[in-house]
Amino acid sequence: MGIQLLTDEIENLAREISDATGESLIEVYRQALLERKERLSGVNLTPQEREARRKAFFAKLDARPRTQDTRSWREIEQEELYDEFGQPFG
């Protein structure tokens, strides 16, 4: 007797992603697990390591080719994500 690990909801979601991307169901599951693992890899970071990752991320963005907008990515982020009181929009 086998054990069914997938609920109908999980299987339907995986099939939707598979149809949209052209990936096999196995690849959809593998990619989801890899992405989750990557997100969790930062859980045990010290505040200094987290800050270093954040700075590296913004440095990478700043190194990208510029558009007509002369603001830094940080300035754009602040303007588009936060109101004049520093509170997130939404």
N, C-alpha and C. Protein backbone atom coordinates (compact mmCIF):
# COMPACT_ATOMS: atom_id res chain seq x y z
N MET A 1 0.85 -1.19 0.00
CA MET A 1 0.00 0.00 0.00
C MET A 1 0.88 1.24 0.00
N GLY A 2 0.68 2.13 -0.93
CA GLY A 2 1.49 3.35 -1.04
C GLY A 2 0.93 4.47 -0.18
N ILE A 3 1.78 5.44 0.05
CA ILE A 3 1.38 6.62 0.81
C ILE A 3 1.24 7.78 -0.18
N GLN A 4 0.12 8.46 -0.12
CA GLN A 4 -0.08 9.61 -0.99
C GLN A 4 0.40 10.86 -0.25
N LEU A 5 1.45 11.49 -0.79
CA LEU A 5 2.02 12.66 -0.16
C LEU A 5 1.41 13.96 -0.66
N LEU A 6 0.79 13.90 -1.81
CA LEU A 6 0.29 15.12 -2.42
C LEU A 6 -1.23 15.24 -2.25
N THR A 7 -1.64 16.41 -1.83
CA THR A 7 -3.08 16.67 -1.79
C THR A 7 -3.51 17.11 -3.18
N ASP A 8 -4.80 17.12 -3.41
CA ASP A 8 -5.30 17.59 -4.71
C ASP A 8 -4.89 19.03 -4.96
N GLU A 9 -4.91 19.85 -3.91
CA GLU A 9 -4.54 21.26 -4.06
C GLU A 9 -3.08 21.39 -4.52
N ILE A 10 -2.18 20.64 -3.89
CA ILE A 10 -0.77 20.71 -4.24
C ILE A 10 -0.55 20.23 -5.67
N GLU A 11 -1.19 19.14 -6.02
CA GLU A 11 -1.04 18.62 -7.37
C GLU A 11 -1.59 19.59 -8.42
N ASN A 12 -2.73 20.21 -8.13
CA ASN A 12 -3.30 21.18 -9.06
C ASN A 12 -2.38 22.39 -9.23
N LEU A 13 -1.84 22.89 -8.13
CA LEU A 13 -0.91 24.02 -8.22
C LEU A 13 0.31 23.65 -9.06
N ALA A 14 0.86 22.47 -8.80
CA ALA A 14 2.03 22.02 -9.55
C ALA A 14 1.72 21.89 -11.03
N ARG A 15 0.54 21.38 -11.36
CA ARG A 15 0.16 21.24 -12.77
C ARG A 15 -0.01 22.61 -13.44
N GLU A 16 -0.58 23.57 -12.71
CA GLU A 16 -0.71 24.92 -13.26
C GLU A 16 0.66 25.51 -13.57
N ILE A 17 1.59 25.35 -12.65
CA ILE A 17 2.94 25.87 -12.87
C ILE A 17 3.61 25.13 -14.02
N SER A 18 3.43 23.81 -14.06
CA SER A 18 3.99 23.00 -15.14
C SER A 18 3.45 23.45 -16.50
N ASP A 19 2.16 23.68 -16.56
CA ASP A 19 1.55 24.13 -17.82
C ASP A 19 2.07 25.50 -18.23
N ALA A 20 2.26 26.38 -17.25
CA ALA A 20 2.71 27.74 -17.54
C ALA A 20 4.18 27.80 -17.95
N THR A 21 5.00 26.91 -17.38
CA THR A 21 6.44 26.98 -17.62
C THR A 21 6.96 25.95 -18.61
N GLY A 22 6.17 24.88 -18.82
CA GLY A 22 6.62 23.80 -19.68
C GLY A 22 7.55 22.83 -18.96
N GLU A 23 7.74 23.02 -17.65
CA GLU A 23 8.58 22.12 -16.86
C GLU A 23 7.79 20.87 -16.49
N SER A 24 8.51 19.79 -16.24
CA SER A 24 7.86 18.57 -15.76
C SER A 24 7.40 18.79 -14.32
N LEU A 25 6.47 17.95 -13.87
CA LEU A 25 6.01 18.06 -12.48
C LEU A 25 7.16 17.87 -11.51
N ILE A 26 8.05 16.93 -11.79
CA ILE A 26 9.20 16.69 -10.91
C ILE A 26 10.06 17.96 -10.84
N GLU A 27 10.27 18.62 -11.96
CA GLU A 27 11.08 19.85 -11.97
C GLU A 27 10.37 20.96 -11.19
N VAL A 28 9.07 21.04 -11.30
CA VAL A 28 8.31 22.04 -10.54
C VAL A 28 8.51 21.82 -9.05
N TYR A 29 8.39 20.57 -8.59
CA TYR A 29 8.58 20.27 -7.17
C TYR A 29 10.02 20.56 -6.75
N ARG A 30 10.99 20.14 -7.58
CA ARG A 30 12.40 20.35 -7.26
C ARG A 30 12.71 21.82 -7.13
N GLN A 31 12.23 22.62 -8.09
CA GLN A 31 12.49 24.06 -8.08
C GLN A 31 11.86 24.72 -6.86
N ALA A 32 10.66 24.31 -6.50
CA ALA A 32 9.99 24.87 -5.33
C ALA A 32 10.79 24.59 -4.06
N LEU A 33 11.30 23.38 -3.95
CA LEU A 33 12.10 23.03 -2.77
C LEU A 33 13.42 23.78 -2.75
N LEU A 34 14.06 23.93 -3.89
CA LEU A 34 15.32 24.68 -3.96
C LEU A 34 15.10 26.15 -3.57
N GLU A 35 14.02 26.74 -4.08
CA GLU A 35 13.74 28.13 -3.75
C GLU A 35 13.44 28.30 -2.27
N ARG A 36 12.72 27.38 -1.69
CA ARG A 36 12.42 27.43 -0.25
C ARG A 36 13.69 27.28 0.56
N LYS A 37 14.54 26.34 0.16
CA LYS A 37 15.81 26.13 0.86
C LYS A 37 16.66 27.40 0.81
N GLU A 38 16.69 28.05 -0.34
CA GLU A 38 17.45 29.30 -0.49
C GLU A 38 16.92 30.37 0.45
N ARG A 39 15.60 30.51 0.53
CA ARG A 39 15.01 31.50 1.44
C ARG A 39 15.35 31.20 2.89
N LEU A 40 15.36 29.93 3.25
CA LEU A 40 15.64 29.54 4.62
C LEU A 40 17.13 29.63 4.97
N SER A 41 17.98 29.69 3.98
CA SER A 41 19.42 29.71 4.24
C SER A 41 19.84 30.94 5.03
N GLY A 42 19.05 32.00 5.02
CA GLY A 42 19.39 33.21 5.75
C GLY A 42 18.84 33.26 7.15
N VAL A 43 18.14 32.21 7.58
CA VAL A 43 17.48 32.22 8.88
C VAL A 43 18.48 32.35 10.03
N ASN A 44 19.62 31.71 9.93
CA ASN A 44 20.59 31.69 11.02
C ASN A 44 21.70 32.73 10.87
N LEU A 45 21.50 33.72 10.03
CA LEU A 45 22.51 34.74 9.84
C LEU A 45 22.54 35.71 11.01
N THR A 46 23.71 36.22 11.29
CA THR A 46 23.83 37.27 12.30
C THR A 46 23.34 38.58 11.68
N PRO A 47 23.02 39.57 12.49
CA PRO A 47 22.61 40.86 11.93
C PRO A 47 23.68 41.45 11.00
N GLN A 48 24.93 41.24 11.31
CA GLN A 48 26.02 41.75 10.46
C GLN A 48 26.04 41.04 9.11
N GLU A 49 25.81 39.74 9.11
CA GLU A 49 25.78 38.99 7.86
C GLU A 49 24.58 39.40 7.02
N ARG A 50 23.44 39.60 7.68
CA ARG A 50 22.24 40.05 6.97
C ARG A 50 22.47 41.41 6.32
N GLU A 51 23.09 42.32 7.08
CA GLU A 51 23.38 43.66 6.56
C GLU A 51 24.35 43.58 5.39
N ALA A 52 25.34 42.71 5.48
CA ALA A 52 26.30 42.53 4.38
C ALA A 52 25.59 42.02 3.13
N ARG A 53 24.66 41.08 3.29
CA ARG A 53 23.89 40.58 2.14
C ARG A 53 23.03 41.68 1.53
N ARG A 54 22.40 42.48 2.40
CA ARG A 54 21.56 43.57 1.92
C ARG A 54 22.39 44.58 1.13
N LYS A 55 23.55 44.95 1.67
CA LYS A 55 24.42 45.90 0.97
C LYS A 55 24.90 45.34 -0.36
N ALA A 56 25.24 44.05 -0.37
CA ALA A 56 25.68 43.42 -1.62
C ALA A 56 24.56 43.42 -2.65
N PHE A 57 23.34 43.18 -2.20
CA PHE A 57 22.19 43.20 -3.10
C PHE A 57 22.02 44.58 -3.74
N PHE A 58 22.06 45.64 -2.92
CA PHE A 58 21.88 46.98 -3.46
C PHE A 58 23.07 47.41 -4.31
N ALA A 59 24.27 46.96 -3.97
CA ALA A 59 25.44 47.27 -4.80
C ALA A 59 25.28 46.63 -6.17
N LYS A 60 24.74 45.42 -6.19
CA LYS A 60 24.50 44.73 -7.47
C LYS A 60 23.46 45.50 -8.30
N LEU A 61 22.42 45.98 -7.65
CA LEU A 61 21.41 46.77 -8.36
C LEU A 61 22.01 48.07 -8.89
N ASP A 62 22.81 48.74 -8.06
CA ASP A 62 23.42 50.00 -8.48
C ASP A 62 24.39 49.82 -9.64
N ALA A 63 24.96 48.62 -9.78
CA ALA A 63 25.90 48.35 -10.86
C ALA A 63 25.20 48.10 -12.20
N ARG A 64 23.89 47.90 -12.17
CA ARG A 64 23.15 47.66 -13.41
C ARG A 64 23.13 48.93 -14.25
N PRO A 65 22.94 48.77 -15.55
CA PRO A 65 22.88 49.94 -16.42
C PRO A 65 21.78 50.90 -15.98
N ARG A 66 22.07 52.16 -16.08
CA ARG A 66 21.13 53.19 -15.65
C ARG A 66 20.08 53.47 -16.72
N THR A 67 18.94 53.94 -16.24
CA THR A 67 17.90 54.43 -17.13
C THR A 67 18.01 55.96 -17.11
N GLN A 68 17.00 56.63 -17.56
CA GLN A 68 16.99 58.09 -17.51
C GLN A 68 16.86 58.61 -16.08
N ASP A 69 16.40 57.76 -15.19
CA ASP A 69 16.23 58.14 -13.79
C ASP A 69 17.60 58.17 -13.11
N THR A 70 17.97 59.30 -12.57
CA THR A 70 19.30 59.44 -11.97
C THR A 70 19.35 59.07 -10.50
N ARG A 71 18.19 58.72 -9.92
CA ARG A 71 18.17 58.34 -8.51
C ARG A 71 18.82 56.98 -8.31
N SER A 72 19.32 56.73 -7.10
CA SER A 72 19.87 55.41 -6.77
C SER A 72 18.69 54.45 -6.60
N TRP A 73 19.01 53.16 -6.66
CA TRP A 73 17.96 52.15 -6.46
C TRP A 73 17.34 52.31 -5.09
N ARG A 74 18.15 52.68 -4.11
CA ARG A 74 17.65 52.86 -2.75
C ARG A 74 16.62 53.99 -2.70
N GLU A 75 16.91 55.11 -3.39
CA GLU A 75 15.97 56.23 -3.42
C GLU A 75 14.67 55.84 -4.11
N ILE A 76 14.78 55.11 -5.20
CA ILE A 76 13.60 54.66 -5.93
C ILE A 76 12.77 53.74 -5.03
N GLU A 77 13.45 52.81 -4.36
CA GLU A 77 12.75 51.89 -3.46
C GLU A 77 12.01 52.67 -2.38
N GLN A 78 12.69 53.62 -1.77
CA GLN A 78 12.08 54.40 -0.69
C GLN A 78 10.83 55.13 -1.19
N GLU A 79 10.92 55.73 -2.35
CA GLU A 79 9.80 56.50 -2.89
C GLU A 79 8.63 55.62 -3.29
N GLU A 80 8.92 54.45 -3.85
CA GLU A 80 7.85 53.61 -4.38
C GLU A 80 7.24 52.67 -3.36
N LEU A 81 7.97 52.37 -2.28
CA LEU A 81 7.47 51.42 -1.30
C LEU A 81 6.95 52.06 -0.02
N TYR A 82 7.39 53.32 0.26
CA TYR A 82 7.06 53.94 1.54
C TYR A 82 6.45 55.32 1.33
N ASP A 83 5.54 55.70 2.24
CA ASP A 83 4.95 57.02 2.16
C ASP A 83 5.87 58.07 2.81
N GLU A 84 5.40 59.31 2.87
CA GLU A 84 6.25 60.40 3.40
C GLU A 84 6.57 60.25 4.88
N PHE A 85 5.86 59.36 5.56
CA PHE A 85 6.11 59.11 6.99
C PHE A 85 6.97 57.86 7.22
N GLY A 86 7.44 57.26 6.11
CA GLY A 86 8.27 56.07 6.22
C GLY A 86 7.50 54.79 6.43
N GLN A 87 6.18 54.85 6.25
CA GLN A 87 5.34 53.67 6.43
C GLN A 87 5.11 52.99 5.08
N PRO A 88 5.11 51.65 5.05
CA PRO A 88 4.88 50.97 3.78
C PRO A 88 3.50 51.29 3.22
N PHE A 89 3.45 51.42 1.89
CA PHE A 89 2.15 51.60 1.24
C PHE A 89 1.37 50.30 1.38
N GLY A 90 0.07 50.41 1.43
CA GLY A 90 -0.74 49.21 1.43
C GLY A 90 -1.64 49.17 2.54
